Every structure is written in C-alpha cells, then in structure tokens.
Protein backbone atom coordinates (compact mmCIF):
# COMPACT_ATOMS: atom_id res chain seq x y z
CA MET A 1 54.14 132.97 41.10
CA TRP A 2 50.89 134.91 40.86
CA ASN A 3 47.94 132.74 40.04
CA GLY A 4 46.44 134.99 37.38
CA SER A 5 43.77 132.53 36.33
CA ALA A 6 42.18 133.02 39.73
CA SER A 7 41.87 136.79 39.39
CA ILE A 8 38.20 136.71 38.45
CA THR A 9 37.20 134.52 41.38
CA GLU A 10 39.36 136.53 43.76
CA ALA A 11 37.60 139.69 42.63
CA VAL A 12 34.25 138.28 43.68
CA GLN A 13 35.66 136.98 46.94
CA ILE A 14 36.75 140.57 47.47
CA MET A 15 33.26 141.80 46.67
CA ALA A 16 31.90 139.48 49.33
CA ALA A 17 33.49 141.86 51.84
CA THR A 18 30.24 143.80 51.77
CA ASP A 19 28.90 141.24 54.21
CA LEU A 20 30.15 143.24 57.18
CA MET A 21 28.50 141.08 59.80
CA GLN A 22 31.06 138.39 59.24
CA SER A 23 33.85 140.85 58.66
CA LEU A 24 33.33 142.95 61.75
CA LEU A 25 32.95 140.02 64.13
CA PRO A 26 36.21 138.07 63.87
CA ARG A 27 36.29 134.79 65.68
CA ARG A 28 39.87 134.94 66.74
CA THR A 29 42.49 137.55 67.40
CA SER A 30 45.61 138.02 65.36
CA ARG A 31 48.76 136.31 66.54
CA PRO A 32 52.15 137.32 65.17
CA ALA A 33 53.48 134.71 62.78
CA LEU A 34 56.91 136.23 62.35
CA GLY A 35 57.20 138.65 65.24
CA GLY A 36 57.29 142.45 65.21
CA GLY A 37 55.89 144.66 62.52
CA ARG A 38 52.85 145.87 64.46
CA HIS A 39 53.09 149.20 62.62
CA TRP A 40 52.15 147.33 59.44
CA VAL A 41 48.84 146.43 61.09
CA TRP A 42 48.29 150.08 61.95
CA GLY A 43 49.09 150.94 58.34
CA SER A 44 46.57 148.37 57.17
CA GLY A 45 43.99 149.96 59.47
CA PHE A 46 44.76 153.38 57.99
CA VAL A 47 44.27 152.06 54.44
CA ALA A 48 40.99 150.41 55.47
CA ALA A 49 39.85 153.70 57.04
CA LEU A 50 40.61 155.55 53.79
CA VAL A 51 38.38 153.11 51.90
CA LEU A 52 35.63 153.17 54.51
CA ALA A 53 35.55 156.98 54.78
CA PRO A 54 33.62 157.55 51.50
CA VAL A 55 30.93 155.08 52.62
CA LEU A 56 30.46 156.85 55.95
CA ALA A 57 30.52 160.23 54.21
CA LEU A 58 27.88 159.01 51.78
CA ILE A 59 25.59 157.99 54.65
CA TRP A 60 26.15 161.33 56.38
CA GLN A 61 25.40 163.26 53.19
CA ALA A 62 22.24 161.25 52.53
CA LEU A 63 20.95 162.14 56.01
CA GLN A 64 21.16 165.83 55.10
CA GLY A 65 18.20 165.40 52.76
CA SER A 66 14.69 165.97 54.08
CA ASP A 67 11.87 163.44 54.22
CA GLY A 68 10.10 165.35 51.47
CA LEU A 69 13.14 165.00 49.25
CA TRP A 70 13.16 161.24 49.78
CA ALA A 71 9.44 161.00 48.89
CA HIS A 72 10.01 163.03 45.73
CA LEU A 73 13.02 160.93 44.71
CA TRP A 74 11.11 157.70 45.25
CA ALA A 75 8.13 158.81 43.20
CA TYR A 76 9.90 160.45 40.26
CA VAL A 77 13.46 159.12 40.17
CA LEU A 78 14.07 155.98 42.19
CA ARG A 79 11.07 153.91 41.22
CA PRO A 80 11.55 154.15 37.43
CA ALA A 81 15.35 153.91 37.74
CA LEU A 82 15.12 150.87 40.01
CA GLY A 83 12.71 149.20 37.60
CA GLN A 84 14.92 149.78 34.56
CA THR A 85 18.03 148.72 36.49
CA THR A 86 16.32 145.47 37.51
CA VAL A 87 15.25 144.69 33.95
CA LEU A 88 18.75 145.49 32.66
CA LEU A 89 20.45 143.25 35.24
CA LEU A 90 18.05 140.37 34.63
CA GLY A 91 18.56 140.56 30.86
CA VAL A 92 22.33 140.92 31.04
CA GLY A 93 22.54 138.14 33.63
CA LEU A 94 20.60 135.76 31.39
CA ILE A 95 22.79 136.50 28.36
CA VAL A 96 26.14 136.22 30.14
CA ILE A 97 25.18 132.99 31.91
CA VAL A 98 23.84 131.26 28.79
CA LEU A 99 26.50 132.57 26.42
CA GLY A 100 29.48 132.24 28.78
CA THR A 101 28.56 128.73 29.94
CA ALA A 102 27.78 127.45 26.44
CA LEU A 103 31.05 128.80 25.04
CA ALA A 104 33.03 127.37 27.96
CA TRP A 105 31.54 123.89 27.35
CA LEU A 106 32.11 124.21 23.61
CA VAL A 107 35.82 124.94 24.08
CA ALA A 108 36.47 122.62 27.03
CA ALA A 109 34.56 119.54 25.85
CA HIS A 110 35.05 119.62 22.06
CA ASP A 111 37.94 119.63 19.64
CA PHE A 112 37.42 121.37 16.30
CA PRO A 113 39.40 123.49 13.83
CA GLY A 114 40.53 126.73 15.42
CA ARG A 115 39.72 125.70 19.01
CA LYS A 116 43.11 126.78 20.38
CA VAL A 117 42.72 130.26 18.92
CA LEU A 118 39.10 130.53 20.01
CA ASP A 119 40.09 129.47 23.54
CA TRP A 120 41.83 132.84 24.17
CA ALA A 121 40.04 134.93 21.54
CA LEU A 122 36.78 134.61 23.48
CA LEU A 123 38.38 136.82 26.14
CA LEU A 124 38.94 139.73 23.73
CA PRO A 125 35.59 141.51 24.36
CA LEU A 126 36.95 142.25 27.85
CA ALA A 127 39.23 144.79 26.13
CA VAL A 128 36.24 146.85 24.93
CA PRO A 129 34.60 148.99 27.65
CA SER A 130 30.82 148.97 27.53
CA TYR A 131 30.59 152.67 26.66
CA ILE A 132 32.82 152.11 23.63
CA ILE A 133 30.76 149.26 22.21
CA ALA A 134 27.65 151.42 22.59
CA PHE A 135 29.52 154.31 20.96
CA VAL A 136 30.44 152.11 17.98
CA TYR A 137 27.13 150.36 17.44
CA LEU A 138 25.17 153.60 17.62
CA GLU A 139 27.06 154.63 14.50
CA LEU A 140 27.12 151.23 12.80
CA LEU A 141 23.38 150.60 13.28
CA HIS A 142 22.20 154.17 12.69
CA PRO A 143 19.42 154.38 10.06
CA LEU A 144 21.95 156.13 7.82
CA GLY A 145 24.86 153.98 9.01
CA PRO A 146 26.80 151.40 6.98
CA VAL A 147 24.88 148.31 8.13
CA GLN A 148 21.40 149.55 7.28
CA GLU A 149 22.62 151.20 4.07
CA LEU A 150 24.05 147.83 2.98
CA LEU A 151 20.86 145.96 3.86
CA ARG A 152 18.72 148.44 1.93
CA ALA A 153 21.01 148.12 -1.07
CA ILE A 154 20.74 144.32 -0.97
CA LEU A 155 16.95 144.37 -0.53
CA GLY A 156 16.38 147.09 -3.13
CA TYR A 157 15.14 149.90 -0.87
CA ASP A 158 16.14 153.51 -1.48
CA ASN A 159 14.51 155.34 1.41
CA PRO A 160 15.28 154.71 5.11
CA ARG A 161 11.55 155.08 5.79
CA ASP A 162 10.85 151.99 3.69
CA PHE A 163 13.20 149.74 5.67
CA ARG A 164 14.97 150.20 8.96
CA LEU A 165 16.11 147.93 11.76
CA PRO A 166 14.75 148.29 15.30
CA ASP A 167 16.34 151.20 17.16
CA ILE A 168 19.44 150.19 19.11
CA ARG A 169 18.60 152.94 21.60
CA SER A 170 16.41 150.74 23.76
CA MET A 171 16.47 148.44 26.75
CA SER A 172 16.87 145.38 24.51
CA GLY A 173 19.79 147.06 22.73
CA ALA A 174 21.51 147.84 26.02
CA ILE A 175 21.02 144.27 27.27
CA LEU A 176 22.41 142.79 24.06
CA LEU A 177 25.47 145.05 23.86
CA LEU A 178 26.36 144.72 27.54
CA GLY A 179 25.96 140.95 27.27
CA LEU A 180 28.38 140.84 24.33
CA VAL A 181 31.02 142.69 26.37
CA LEU A 182 30.53 141.00 29.75
CA TYR A 183 30.07 137.29 28.91
CA PRO A 184 33.85 136.60 29.37
CA TYR A 185 33.38 137.11 33.11
CA VAL A 186 31.36 133.88 33.10
CA TYR A 187 33.30 132.15 30.33
CA LEU A 188 36.68 132.44 32.08
CA PRO A 189 35.90 130.77 35.45
CA VAL A 190 33.47 128.25 33.97
CA ARG A 191 35.97 127.18 31.32
CA ALA A 192 38.54 126.65 34.08
CA MET A 193 35.99 124.63 36.06
CA PHE A 194 35.16 122.41 33.10
CA ALA A 195 38.85 121.90 32.32
CA MET A 196 39.59 120.80 35.90
CA GLN A 197 36.67 118.39 36.21
CA ALA A 198 37.89 114.82 36.48
CA ALA A 199 37.28 112.79 33.36
CA GLY A 200 36.44 109.81 35.58
CA LEU A 201 33.27 111.54 36.80
CA LEU A 202 31.99 112.10 33.30
CA GLU A 203 33.07 108.64 32.17
CA ALA A 204 31.09 107.16 35.04
CA GLY A 205 28.07 109.00 33.72
CA ARG A 206 28.67 107.62 30.25
CA MET A 207 28.83 104.11 31.69
CA LEU A 208 25.39 104.71 33.23
CA GLY A 209 24.01 105.49 29.77
CA CYS A 210 24.11 109.29 29.75
CA THR A 211 24.57 111.02 26.43
CA ARG A 212 26.96 113.94 26.03
CA THR A 213 24.05 116.36 26.38
CA HIS A 214 22.82 114.66 29.55
CA LEU A 215 26.34 114.74 31.00
CA PHE A 216 26.45 118.48 30.49
CA ALA A 217 22.98 119.13 31.93
CA ARG A 218 23.04 116.67 34.84
CA LEU A 219 26.70 116.52 35.89
CA ALA A 220 28.99 119.20 34.43
CA LEU A 221 26.56 122.09 34.82
CA PRO A 222 25.71 121.48 38.50
CA LEU A 223 29.42 121.15 39.31
CA ALA A 224 30.08 124.47 37.55
CA ARG A 225 27.33 126.34 39.39
CA PRO A 226 29.72 128.09 41.84
CA ALA A 227 31.86 129.37 38.95
CA ILE A 228 28.74 130.52 37.09
CA ALA A 229 27.54 132.40 40.16
CA VAL A 230 30.95 134.04 40.60
CA GLY A 231 31.23 135.15 36.98
CA ALA A 232 27.64 136.32 36.70
CA SER A 233 27.93 138.41 39.88
CA LEU A 234 31.04 140.13 38.55
CA ALA A 235 29.36 140.78 35.19
CA LEU A 236 26.31 142.29 36.90
CA MET A 237 28.57 144.50 39.00
CA GLU A 238 30.11 145.84 35.80
CA ALA A 239 26.67 146.37 34.25
CA LEU A 240 25.56 148.25 37.35
CA ASN A 241 28.70 150.43 37.21
CA ASP A 242 28.09 151.37 33.57
CA ILE A 243 27.06 154.93 32.85
CA GLY A 244 28.11 155.64 29.27
CA ALA A 245 26.38 152.77 27.46
CA SER A 246 23.18 153.14 29.49
CA GLU A 247 22.96 156.88 28.87
CA PHE A 248 23.85 156.59 25.18
CA LEU A 249 21.18 153.90 24.71
CA GLY A 250 18.46 155.75 26.59
CA VAL A 251 18.26 153.48 29.67
CA ARG A 252 17.81 155.37 32.92
CA THR A 253 19.62 153.22 35.47
CA LEU A 254 20.48 154.08 39.07
CA THR A 255 23.97 155.10 37.94
CA VAL A 256 22.61 157.53 35.37
CA SER A 257 20.15 158.88 37.94
CA ILE A 258 22.96 159.60 40.41
CA TYR A 259 24.87 161.49 37.72
CA THR A 260 21.91 163.59 36.57
CA THR A 261 20.75 164.31 40.12
CA TRP A 262 24.20 165.44 41.17
CA VAL A 263 25.45 167.26 38.06
CA THR A 264 22.29 168.44 36.30
CA ARG A 265 20.13 169.25 39.34
CA SER A 266 23.00 170.09 41.77
CA ASP A 267 21.26 167.96 44.39
CA LEU A 268 24.05 166.30 46.37
CA PRO A 269 21.88 164.87 49.20
CA GLY A 270 19.47 163.42 46.65
CA ALA A 271 22.32 161.81 44.73
CA ALA A 272 23.66 160.38 48.00
CA GLN A 273 20.27 158.85 48.81
CA ILE A 274 20.13 157.20 45.38
CA ALA A 275 23.68 155.95 45.91
CA LEU A 276 22.64 154.28 49.17
CA VAL A 277 19.88 152.46 47.30
CA MET A 278 22.50 151.39 44.79
CA LEU A 279 24.64 149.98 47.60
CA VAL A 280 21.63 147.94 48.72
CA VAL A 281 21.41 146.52 45.18
CA VAL A 282 25.13 145.67 45.32
CA ALA A 283 24.67 143.91 48.66
CA ALA A 284 21.73 141.98 47.18
CA LEU A 285 23.87 140.83 44.25
CA VAL A 286 26.61 139.63 46.60
CA ALA A 287 24.05 137.83 48.77
CA LEU A 288 22.53 136.23 45.68
CA GLU A 289 25.95 135.03 44.54
CA ARG A 290 26.63 133.48 47.93
CA PHE A 291 23.20 131.83 47.98
CA ALA A 292 23.75 130.38 44.49
CA ARG A 293 26.91 128.60 45.59
CA ARG A 294 25.94 127.71 49.15
CA LYS A 295 27.04 124.25 50.34
CA GLN A 296 28.98 123.79 47.09
CA ARG A 297 32.15 121.82 47.68
CA PHE A 298 34.30 119.73 45.39
CA ALA A 299 36.71 117.30 46.96
CA GLY A 300 39.37 115.39 45.16
CA GLY A 301 43.10 115.08 44.90
CA ALA A 302 44.54 117.25 42.18
CA GLN A 303 47.22 114.64 41.53
CA ARG A 304 44.61 112.07 40.60
CA ILE A 305 42.50 114.27 38.34
CA ARG A 306 42.60 113.31 34.68
CA PRO A 307 41.29 116.06 32.41
CA LEU A 308 38.24 115.72 30.22
CA LEU A 309 38.96 114.26 26.79
CA PRO A 310 37.37 116.62 24.22
CA GLU A 311 35.00 115.12 21.67
CA ARG A 312 36.42 115.60 18.19
CA LEU A 313 34.13 117.43 15.76
CA THR A 314 35.03 117.00 12.10
CA GLY A 315 33.66 118.19 8.82
CA LEU A 316 30.64 120.46 8.84
CA ARG A 317 30.09 120.03 12.60
CA GLY A 318 33.61 121.26 13.32
CA TRP A 319 33.31 124.35 11.14
CA ALA A 320 29.85 125.08 12.52
CA ALA A 321 31.26 124.96 16.04
CA LEU A 322 34.03 127.39 15.04
CA ALA A 323 31.51 129.77 13.45
CA LEU A 324 29.21 129.75 16.47
CA GLY A 325 32.12 130.26 18.84
CA ALA A 326 33.62 133.08 16.77
CA LEU A 327 30.36 135.03 16.42
CA PRO A 328 30.53 136.65 19.90
CA VAL A 329 34.17 137.58 19.26
CA VAL A 330 33.28 139.21 15.95
CA LEU A 331 30.33 141.14 17.40
CA GLY A 332 31.92 142.04 20.72
CA PHE A 333 35.46 142.80 19.53
CA GLY A 334 36.14 142.37 15.81
CA ALA A 335 33.45 144.67 14.37
CA PRO A 336 34.06 147.51 16.87
CA LEU A 337 37.82 147.29 16.40
CA PHE A 338 37.53 147.32 12.59
CA TRP A 339 35.25 150.38 12.67
CA LEU A 340 37.51 152.22 15.12
CA LEU A 341 40.57 151.46 13.01
CA SER A 342 38.96 152.65 9.79
CA GLU A 343 37.60 155.83 11.39
CA ALA A 344 40.83 156.59 13.24
CA VAL A 345 42.96 156.10 10.11
CA GLY A 346 40.64 158.33 8.12
CA ARG A 347 40.62 160.99 10.80
CA ILE A 348 44.41 160.98 11.16
CA GLY A 349 44.79 161.13 7.39
CA GLU A 350 42.57 164.21 7.19
CA ALA A 351 43.58 166.22 10.24
CA GLY A 352 46.27 164.27 12.07
CA ILE A 353 46.20 163.86 15.83
CA SER A 354 45.19 167.11 17.49
CA PRO A 355 47.35 168.63 20.26
CA GLN A 356 44.28 168.38 22.51
CA LEU A 357 44.23 164.60 22.12
CA TRP A 358 47.93 164.37 22.97
CA ALA A 359 47.24 166.40 26.13
CA GLU A 360 44.38 164.05 27.00
CA MET A 361 46.65 161.03 26.51
CA ARG A 362 49.25 162.55 28.84
CA ALA A 363 46.58 163.33 31.44
CA THR A 364 45.20 159.80 31.19
CA LEU A 365 48.61 158.18 31.54
CA GLY A 366 49.64 160.49 34.38
CA LEU A 367 46.50 159.84 36.42
CA ALA A 368 46.69 156.09 35.74
CA ALA A 369 50.36 155.95 36.76
CA ALA A 370 49.76 157.89 39.99
CA ALA A 371 46.77 155.72 40.89
CA THR A 372 48.67 152.52 40.11
CA ALA A 373 51.56 153.50 42.37
CA ALA A 374 49.18 154.41 45.21
CA VAL A 375 47.11 151.24 44.78
CA LEU A 376 50.20 149.01 44.81
CA ALA A 377 51.54 150.73 47.92
CA GLY A 378 48.24 150.36 49.75
CA GLY A 379 47.83 146.76 48.64
CA MET A 380 51.34 145.93 49.82
CA VAL A 381 50.67 147.38 53.28
CA VAL A 382 47.43 145.40 53.67
CA ALA A 383 48.80 142.12 52.30
CA PHE A 384 52.08 142.29 54.24
CA ALA A 385 50.26 143.06 57.49
CA ALA A 386 48.19 139.91 56.93
CA ARG A 387 51.42 138.02 56.27
CA LEU A 388 53.00 139.19 59.50
CA TRP A 389 49.92 138.95 61.73
CA PRO A 390 47.53 136.39 60.22
CA GLY A 391 44.19 136.22 61.98
CA GLY A 392 40.83 137.86 62.42
CA THR A 393 41.99 141.46 62.80
CA THR A 394 44.12 141.66 59.65
CA ALA A 395 41.59 139.56 57.72
CA THR A 396 38.85 142.06 58.62
CA LEU A 397 41.06 144.99 57.66
CA GLY A 398 41.81 143.30 54.35
CA ARG A 399 38.11 142.86 53.64
CA LEU A 400 37.35 146.46 54.52
CA ALA A 401 40.24 147.70 52.37
CA SER A 402 38.79 145.69 49.46
CA LEU A 403 35.27 147.02 49.94
CA GLY A 404 35.56 149.63 47.20
CA TYR A 405 35.60 147.04 44.43
CA ALA A 406 31.95 146.29 45.13
CA MET A 407 30.97 149.97 44.82
CA PRO A 408 30.20 151.45 41.39
CA GLY A 409 32.33 154.35 40.27
CA THR A 410 29.57 156.92 40.72
CA VAL A 411 29.05 155.84 44.33
CA VAL A 412 32.78 156.01 45.04
CA ALA A 413 33.06 159.45 43.44
CA LEU A 414 30.13 160.78 45.42
CA GLY A 415 31.51 159.37 48.67
CA VAL A 416 35.00 160.76 48.00
CA LEU A 417 33.73 164.24 47.20
CA VAL A 418 32.35 164.93 50.68
CA PRO A 419 35.48 164.31 52.82
CA VAL A 420 37.86 165.71 50.20
CA ALA A 421 35.81 168.89 49.76
CA GLY A 422 35.76 169.31 53.55
CA LEU A 423 39.52 168.85 53.71
CA ASP A 424 39.95 171.35 50.89
CA ARG A 425 37.95 173.92 52.88
CA MET A 426 40.10 173.30 55.96
CA ILE A 427 43.31 173.76 53.94
CA ASP A 428 41.96 176.94 52.35
CA GLN A 429 40.90 178.43 55.70
CA GLY A 430 44.22 177.50 57.30
CA ALA A 431 46.14 179.11 54.46
CA GLN A 432 44.10 182.29 54.77
CA MET A 433 44.74 182.46 58.51
CA LEU A 434 48.46 181.67 58.35
CA LEU A 435 49.55 182.98 54.96
CA GLY A 436 46.96 185.60 54.13
CA PHE A 437 45.75 183.98 50.92
CA GLY A 438 43.52 181.05 50.02
CA THR A 439 44.48 177.87 48.21
CA GLY A 440 41.10 177.07 46.65
CA LEU A 441 40.21 173.47 45.93
CA VAL A 442 43.76 172.19 45.97
CA LEU A 443 42.92 168.47 46.27
CA ILE A 444 40.05 168.43 43.79
CA GLY A 445 41.76 170.86 41.43
CA SER A 446 45.04 168.92 41.38
CA GLY A 447 43.48 165.56 40.61
CA ALA A 448 44.31 164.13 44.04
CA ALA A 449 40.62 163.50 44.71
CA LEU A 450 40.33 161.51 41.50
CA VAL A 451 43.41 159.45 42.36
CA TYR A 452 41.90 158.81 45.79
CA ALA A 453 38.71 157.56 44.11
CA TYR A 454 40.76 155.25 41.88
CA VAL A 455 42.53 153.87 44.97
CA VAL A 456 39.23 153.15 46.72
CA ARG A 457 37.76 151.57 43.58
CA PHE A 458 40.69 149.36 42.56
CA LEU A 459 42.61 148.62 45.75
CA ALA A 460 40.99 145.16 45.83
CA MET A 461 42.89 144.16 42.69
CA SER A 462 46.20 144.95 44.35
CA VAL A 463 45.31 143.29 47.66
CA GLY A 464 44.07 140.13 45.95
CA GLY A 465 47.01 139.86 43.55
CA ILE A 466 49.71 140.54 46.14
CA ASP A 467 48.07 138.25 48.67
CA SER A 468 48.09 135.46 46.06
CA GLY A 469 51.76 136.16 45.46
CA PHE A 470 52.53 135.93 49.19
CA ALA A 471 50.67 132.61 49.34
CA GLN A 472 53.21 131.14 46.90
CA ILE A 473 56.21 132.16 49.07
CA PRO A 474 57.12 129.59 51.75
CA ARG A 475 57.13 131.01 55.26
CA ALA A 476 60.45 129.25 55.83
CA LEU A 477 62.06 132.08 53.82
CA ASP A 478 60.60 134.64 56.24
CA HIS A 479 61.99 132.78 59.22
CA ALA A 480 65.39 132.42 57.52
CA ALA A 481 65.53 136.18 56.90
CA ARG A 482 64.58 136.91 60.51
CA SER A 483 67.23 134.49 61.80
CA LEU A 484 69.82 136.48 59.82
CA GLY A 485 68.77 139.67 61.62
CA ASP A 486 66.38 141.19 59.08
CA GLY A 487 63.29 142.91 60.46
CA PRO A 488 59.95 142.93 58.62
CA GLY A 489 60.93 145.85 56.38
CA ALA A 490 64.30 144.37 55.47
CA SER A 491 62.83 140.95 54.77
CA LEU A 492 60.22 142.60 52.56
CA ARG A 493 62.95 144.35 50.55
CA HIS A 494 65.42 141.47 50.37
CA VAL A 495 63.13 138.42 50.17
CA HIS A 496 59.55 139.20 49.30
CA LEU A 497 59.73 141.98 46.72
CA PRO A 498 61.97 140.03 44.30
CA LEU A 499 59.67 137.01 44.55
CA LEU A 500 56.54 139.16 44.28
CA ARG A 501 57.62 140.81 41.04
CA PRO A 502 55.22 138.76 38.80
CA ALA A 503 52.30 139.48 41.13
CA LEU A 504 53.16 143.18 41.30
CA VAL A 505 53.51 143.49 37.52
CA ALA A 506 50.21 141.70 36.94
CA ALA A 507 48.38 143.82 39.53
CA ALA A 508 49.93 147.02 38.15
CA LEU A 509 48.85 146.11 34.62
CA LEU A 510 45.26 145.44 35.66
CA VAL A 511 44.99 148.59 37.77
CA PHE A 512 46.65 150.82 35.15
CA VAL A 513 44.33 149.68 32.37
CA ASP A 514 41.19 149.83 34.51
CA THR A 515 41.95 153.38 35.61
CA MET A 516 42.38 154.34 31.97
CA LYS A 517 38.96 152.87 31.17
CA GLU A 518 37.11 154.14 34.25
CA LEU A 519 34.44 156.60 33.15
CA PRO A 520 31.96 157.35 36.01
CA ALA A 521 34.47 158.42 38.68
CA THR A 522 36.63 160.28 36.13
CA LEU A 523 33.62 162.08 34.71
CA LEU A 524 32.53 163.34 38.12
CA LEU A 525 35.87 164.13 39.84
CA ARG A 526 38.27 165.24 37.12
CA PRO A 527 39.78 168.70 37.67
CA LEU A 528 38.21 171.59 35.83
CA GLY A 529 39.58 171.83 32.29
CA VAL A 530 41.18 168.36 32.37
CA GLU A 531 39.97 165.71 29.93
CA THR A 532 41.01 162.07 29.72
CA LEU A 533 40.51 159.69 26.81
CA ALA A 534 37.39 158.27 28.45
CA THR A 535 35.77 161.66 29.14
CA HIS A 536 36.75 162.90 25.67
CA LEU A 537 34.98 159.93 24.13
CA TYR A 538 31.93 160.51 26.33
CA SER A 539 31.75 164.16 25.23
CA GLU A 540 32.04 163.28 21.54
CA ALA A 541 29.32 160.64 21.81
CA ALA A 542 27.05 163.04 23.68
CA ARG A 543 27.45 165.52 20.80
CA GLY A 544 26.94 162.80 18.17
CA THR A 545 30.38 163.38 16.60
CA TYR A 546 31.39 159.73 16.67
CA GLU A 547 34.22 159.97 14.17
CA ASP A 548 36.05 162.51 16.37
CA GLY A 549 36.10 160.08 19.28
CA ALA A 550 37.41 157.09 17.30
CA ILE A 551 41.09 157.76 18.06
CA ALA A 552 40.47 158.02 21.81
CA ALA A 553 38.34 154.87 21.75
CA LEU A 554 40.98 152.97 19.79
CA ALA A 555 43.67 153.95 22.31
CA ILE A 556 41.53 152.68 25.20
CA VAL A 557 40.79 149.39 23.41
CA ALA A 558 44.49 148.93 22.55
CA ALA A 559 45.40 149.38 26.22
CA GLY A 560 42.64 146.98 27.26
CA ILE A 561 44.05 144.21 25.09
CA LEU A 562 47.18 143.98 27.28
CA PRO A 563 45.60 142.36 30.36
CA VAL A 564 43.53 140.09 28.11
CA ILE A 565 46.72 138.80 26.49
CA ALA A 566 48.23 138.30 29.95
CA LEU A 567 45.17 136.36 31.11
CA ALA A 568 45.27 134.19 28.00
CA ARG A 569 48.98 133.42 28.42
CA ILE A 570 48.56 132.59 32.08
CA GLY A 571 45.59 130.40 31.29
CA ARG A 572 47.56 128.48 28.67
CA ARG A 573 50.50 128.10 31.05
CA ASN A 574 48.29 126.86 33.87
CA GLY A 575 46.56 124.53 31.48
CA ALA A 576 49.77 123.02 30.18
CA GLY A 577 49.82 119.34 30.83
CA ARG A 578 46.08 119.20 31.45
CA ARG A 579 44.96 119.62 27.88
CA PRO A 580 45.15 116.57 25.66
C-alpha cells in the first residue's frame, strides 16, 4: 500500500535531484532484475529527456541575450528582486520552522481537549493556495474592510484616517500570510518524527533530571532536525514559486520579475536569464537542506520502539493549548473559508453562476484531467523501468525525470515555451509545404504546451508515489508471473496494476488538485481566450473586484481539501497502535 505519510519527504528527496553531479555519475550499471523489458528503460530515458529539454532550452535562450542586457538586468531588476526574494525566504523560513515545530510538539507530546481534531485540522491551510489567502486578506484587512470597520466601531472612531491597521501590502504582510499557509510542510514531517521517537530515549533524559522543556530543546529537537530541514525546504520552494500573493502584496520577487520581463516588456532572453538565477537559488536551497541534515542517522528497531506518552494538560492549561493550536487553523483556513463562503453565497444569490465561470470550470477540469493522465503514464514508465532494471542508469533517469518538481512554475513555463514554439513553427511550415495552408500555433493554441508544463512540473509526484507502491510489492510476485510466461507488460497488467491501485489513486488526486491550483505556468501558457479558475481569480484580484472571484476561489479551496483529508486519514491509519 502507498505510504502516503512519506509524500512530503519523498518530494524533497525528489528535489534533491538537482544535484546532478551525483546523478550523472552513477557508480554501477543497471542489471536486469527480472529479465527483458529494455524498452521500458528507453521509455524512461525519453521521459527524462522531455523533462530536461526545458532546462536546456532555458539555457540556450538566456545565451541569446547580450552582455549589455545582463548588466541592465542586474542593475535594475535582478539586484532588487534578489534582495526581496532573500528577505521573503528568510522570513517565511523562520515562521514555518518555529510554528510548524512548535505545533508538532504540542500535538505529539501533550494530551488536551480537542487534540485529535487539531491533529488533522492543522493540515487544512494546505488546501488554501497562497494567492487565495492574499486575495482574501486584502479584502478583509482593507481600510474599509470588515475587520478595520469593526475595530473602529469598538474603539469609537468614525473616520479611517483616525485609525487604521498597518498596510497588509508589504513585505511583512507577505511573510506572515505565506507562513500561515506553508507551516504544514514542516508540521507534517516533524509531527511524524516526534511520534516515532522512542519513549525510552526521552525517559532516559527525565531520569538524568531534564525537565520537559529541556527534553524538547536538547533531545527531541536535535533528533527532528532532518525532518525540519525537509519541511522547511519544501515550504521555501513553494514560497519561491508563488507569483499571485507576492504581486498582490507588492513584493517584487524573482518570480514576479520573470513574469513582468516576459509579458510586460516582451523580453524573452532577459526573462530566461532571470530564470537561470532563480534555478541557482533553488539549487542553493537544496544544498542548504542537505547540509542541515548531513550525518543525521537514527538507528533502532521499529519493533522495539515504544511511542512517547503525551503529558496530559487539564483545566486552563488544556484549553489554552487548544486555543493556541487552533489559532493558525483559524487564520490560515477558517477565516478565508468563511469569507469565501459568505461572498460566494451572496454573489450566487444576486446573479447566479455565470456561464463564463462554468466554462472556466470545464477548462480547469479538462486540463487537470489531461495532465493527470499524462503524469501517471510517465511516472509508470519511469518507476517500472527502475523495477525491471534497478541500478545506476534507471536511478539517474528517475532523478532527471523528477527534476521539474524543484523548478518554479514560471521557470518551467519559460523553458517549455522555447521548444514547443519551435515545434509549432516546424509543423506550420510543413503544413504549408505539403498541404498549402498553415496550422498556426497548434500546440500552444490547443493547450498541449500547458499540459506539457504540468507534466514537467508534477511528474515527480507520480514517480515518487508509484515507486513507493512498487516497494510494497514483493519481487516474488514478479518472478511468479514470469515463470507462468508473462512478459514485463503482461505482469504489469495482471500483477502490478491491481496492487498499485491505492498508489495510483493517491498520486492522481495530488496531481489533479495541484494542476487545478497551479497559477504561474497556467498564467503564462494558457491558450488565447482560455481562462481557468486560477487565472480568473488572478484577473479579478488584479482589477480589485474581489467579490467576483470568490466563487472561483471557493472551488479551488474545496478541491484542495481532498488531498488534505487523504493525508489526515493515512496519517491516522499509520499512527494506529502507536498513539496511546
């Protein structure tokens, strides 16, 4: 069965594929484990080439720019964008590490009223994309919005000039809102680490005179450092990928700079050069994550591990713990959901759901379904090739095929545009020569380019999930199928696919929802005249008509709740028998 609780850590292991030195220099050659099936290895190589092509195209496009262009970009675009990106990442990293680790210790090491509900509810902010929380809080905290109006009424002020809160459109506002959405990336792996720590280790510390606070600071926290590094790296990747929240809140990050340089200034080489700098930042984040968990090993027999006994908090302490734990859920999920519900209900009551919104829902679902099918197919080819021919070659191909997860959506979109546009020109010229008429931009205009970008961006989810599913299937079943005359394809159909169904469903769910939420790549590569729910919301927020985007935002949040529920259920199932 698919180990869903490991999905966060697997994602960062996938991101570590950016360390190409290790990937491109395998120490051993592949040896067939089950015999035959070499064409699956060639298929895996083809999938890896499809993922690697946008990176190579990006480098080629960046080289088209002149030295003077690079100097201009560095002076007027890159330097301020790099500075603001650094400040944003440092602030978001601090919030997610402190908040995620503290909440994980609160839930894992204490028992108080509502702990079981809080255990999974703390994952709910994952359902709210960062651009939606910015969209909501810009309206809620507007000087004429409901929060400040209520505060002025309570304090006796009539004029907004007499009392107003600090402007949410700022670097501090962006750091706070992104931290509220992204802390679950740290909370989830760290909570699992705390839950799996042997009680004997902590009891030994108590016998040596350590208080509960000292146990956390001197024993539990150092043991959880690898999980903290993993979660924080993933959260920072998401912050770096953000375009909507940063632009709405007035923060000029590298992602926003790529978008404005490409779309507003029509400077493709300049955007490619900024994207290369962004890839350097990504590589630095991955290297920092590896450095933070270097030489970290935890040895112990799982059969002998006795889980940590939570400290019972009663009375005022218990309710205070519940209130503190619920605050991030309320701010990161409850308040935005309540506002979206109220605005959506009001909007539907006044004007109903417009035909345009229905068309955008169909476009969103169609693109997500096509991308999910392609991602699952590609992931199956890569994972099954590694199953048939385990070793350095297929491991390297798997890492290269998973490389896109480490690239922000704007970088992927920019890299995809170059080869796809070239292929479109070749198809158009061939049609003119052979048929006497041109085809235009058939790949970009049909949405195929956008689906390709989704595949590059999210293939890692499929590879990681399916590979985990294969790991749970004994190889004896493969040998039994081969002894009965089944080749690799037949054994895949008759043996593996039925057993991989949970892994495939879980991977499909994650990919489908993430493609629905993806804004940067969709914004840059969608066909002319086609809008999705995410781009519709972006357009409404850019115009300041927040109430018109509430229905689209609510649909995206509702879809995002599905994988969160799945993660919570899997976490409870994996934790069964460990919790007291």
